[in-house]
Protein backbone atom coordinates (compact mmCIF):
# COMPACT_ATOMS: atom_id res chain seq x y z
CA MET A 1 -91.56 -108.51 -41.23
CA ILE A 2 -92.15 -110.60 -44.31
CA PHE A 3 -93.82 -114.01 -44.46
CA ILE A 4 -92.99 -116.87 -46.82
CA ALA A 5 -95.72 -119.51 -46.82
CA GLY A 6 -95.08 -123.23 -46.76
CA ASN A 7 -93.50 -125.73 -44.40
CA THR A 8 -89.79 -124.99 -44.84
CA PRO A 9 -87.99 -128.19 -45.88
CA SER A 10 -84.36 -129.10 -45.37
CA SER A 11 -82.53 -128.83 -48.67
CA LYS A 12 -79.44 -130.42 -47.13
CA ASN A 13 -81.07 -133.71 -46.15
CA SER A 14 -83.48 -133.90 -49.07
CA LYS A 15 -81.29 -134.79 -52.02
CA GLN A 16 -81.90 -137.74 -54.33
CA PHE A 17 -79.63 -139.53 -56.78
CA VAL A 18 -81.12 -139.93 -60.24
CA THR A 19 -79.58 -142.02 -63.01
CA LEU A 20 -80.21 -140.75 -66.53
CA LYS A 21 -80.68 -143.01 -69.56
CA SER A 22 -77.14 -142.05 -70.57
CA GLY A 23 -75.89 -143.64 -67.36
CA LYS A 24 -74.92 -140.30 -65.83
CA THR A 25 -75.88 -139.85 -62.16
CA LEU A 26 -77.20 -136.54 -60.85
CA LEU A 27 -77.91 -135.33 -57.34
CA ILE A 28 -81.20 -133.37 -57.35
CA ASN A 29 -83.57 -131.84 -54.82
CA SER A 30 -86.27 -134.09 -53.41
CA LYS A 31 -89.87 -133.72 -54.57
CA THR A 32 -90.66 -131.97 -51.27
CA VAL A 33 -87.97 -129.34 -51.88
CA GLN A 34 -88.93 -128.96 -55.55
CA LYS A 35 -92.56 -128.40 -54.53
CA TYR A 36 -91.53 -125.81 -51.91
CA LEU A 37 -89.34 -123.96 -54.42
CA LYS A 38 -92.20 -123.81 -56.92
CA GLU A 39 -94.92 -122.87 -54.43
CA SER A 40 -92.87 -120.25 -52.53
CA LYS A 41 -91.56 -118.43 -55.61
CA ALA A 42 -94.43 -115.92 -55.71
CA ASP A 43 -93.92 -115.01 -52.04
CA TRP A 44 -90.20 -114.42 -52.63
CA LEU A 45 -90.94 -112.16 -55.60
CA ILE A 46 -93.76 -110.24 -53.88
CA ASN A 47 -91.83 -109.62 -50.64
CA LYS A 48 -88.50 -108.54 -52.13
CA ASN A 49 -89.11 -104.77 -52.13
CA GLU A 50 -90.42 -104.83 -48.56
CA PHE A 51 -87.35 -106.77 -47.42
CA LEU A 52 -84.99 -104.36 -49.17
CA LYS A 53 -86.75 -101.45 -47.40
CA MET A 54 -86.18 -103.25 -44.09
CA LEU A 55 -82.43 -103.39 -44.87
CA LYS A 56 -82.14 -99.62 -45.36
CA GLY A 57 -79.95 -98.05 -42.69
CA LYS A 58 -78.70 -101.42 -41.44
CA GLU A 59 -75.05 -102.42 -41.56
CA LYS A 60 -73.60 -105.76 -42.55
CA PRO A 61 -73.64 -108.35 -41.30
CA TYR A 62 -77.43 -108.18 -41.24
CA ARG A 63 -79.02 -109.81 -38.21
CA ILE A 64 -81.82 -111.82 -39.79
CA GLU A 65 -84.35 -113.37 -37.45
CA LEU A 66 -86.34 -116.42 -38.50
CA TYR A 67 -89.51 -117.65 -36.80
CA PHE A 68 -90.75 -120.95 -38.20
CA ILE A 69 -94.38 -121.99 -38.26
CA ARG A 70 -94.44 -125.73 -38.82
CA ASP A 71 -97.25 -127.92 -40.14
CA SER A 72 -96.64 -130.66 -37.56
CA ARG A 73 -94.70 -131.48 -34.41
CA ARG A 74 -92.06 -133.41 -36.37
CA ARG A 75 -88.55 -132.60 -35.19
CA PHE A 76 -86.45 -130.37 -37.43
CA ASP A 77 -83.04 -128.73 -37.38
CA TYR A 78 -83.02 -124.93 -37.40
CA ILE A 79 -79.78 -124.85 -39.39
CA ASN A 80 -81.10 -127.12 -42.14
CA ALA A 81 -84.41 -125.23 -42.41
CA ALA A 82 -82.56 -121.89 -42.49
CA GLN A 83 -80.20 -123.08 -45.23
CA ILE A 84 -82.90 -123.10 -47.92
CA ILE A 85 -84.23 -119.72 -46.71
CA PHE A 86 -80.83 -118.04 -46.99
CA ASP A 87 -80.05 -119.78 -50.30
CA LEU A 88 -83.31 -118.41 -51.74
CA MET A 89 -82.65 -114.94 -50.30
CA GLN A 90 -79.40 -114.96 -52.25
CA GLU A 91 -80.99 -116.43 -55.39
CA TYR A 92 -83.77 -113.81 -55.45
CA GLY A 93 -81.42 -110.89 -54.74
CA TYR A 94 -82.44 -110.17 -51.15
CA ILE A 95 -78.84 -110.48 -49.98
CA GLU A 96 -75.50 -110.48 -51.78
CA ASP A 97 -74.33 -113.71 -50.17
CA ASP A 98 -75.34 -115.87 -47.23
CA ASP A 99 -71.87 -115.97 -45.72
CA SER A 100 -70.77 -114.63 -42.31
CA THR A 101 -69.80 -111.20 -43.65
CA ASN A 102 -73.37 -110.61 -44.85
CA ILE A 103 -75.70 -112.28 -42.35
CA ILE A 104 -75.99 -113.45 -38.79
CA PRO A 105 -78.92 -115.87 -38.49
CA ILE A 106 -81.03 -115.57 -35.38
CA PHE A 107 -83.63 -118.17 -34.48
CA LYS A 108 -86.64 -116.75 -32.65
CA GLY A 109 -88.23 -120.16 -32.23
CA PHE A 110 -91.14 -122.00 -33.77
CA GLU A 111 -94.77 -122.94 -33.31
CA VAL A 112 -97.03 -125.53 -34.87
CA ASP A 113 -100.00 -124.32 -36.92
CA LYS A 114 -100.87 -126.48 -39.91
CA SER A 115 -103.15 -123.80 -41.40
CA ARG A 116 -100.43 -121.14 -41.67
CA ALA A 117 -97.10 -122.95 -42.02
CA GLY A 118 -94.23 -120.78 -43.20
CA VAL A 119 -91.45 -118.56 -41.94
CA GLU A 120 -91.52 -115.01 -40.61
CA ILE A 121 -88.39 -113.07 -41.50
CA GLU A 122 -87.34 -109.91 -39.65
CA ILE A 123 -84.25 -107.70 -39.74
CA LEU A 124 -83.03 -106.74 -36.26
């Protein structure tokens, strides 16, 4: 099992439109998502080798279990929270792609613990 610290945000519902001085409009990640990306980067880099060891001997599609530890009782959507996790797994080279031929997401559940918010990731 690997652990990525931080309250996992929804990248899907956290986009903002920004208008540049040139008049061009961009759609960018919210400050919450940008902060999570910056603060979780070290965990993604540190845990990569352990995750790749966990994949050894497993066949695609990988059954990847996520257990969320939230910082509050606010409602959240598993799918939206998982989206940023799988996007980052692809970005950091944990998985080739986050499509259905490569992964099957499994949601173990969640708990609330403000002092240790994050996500536990396991390969089944």
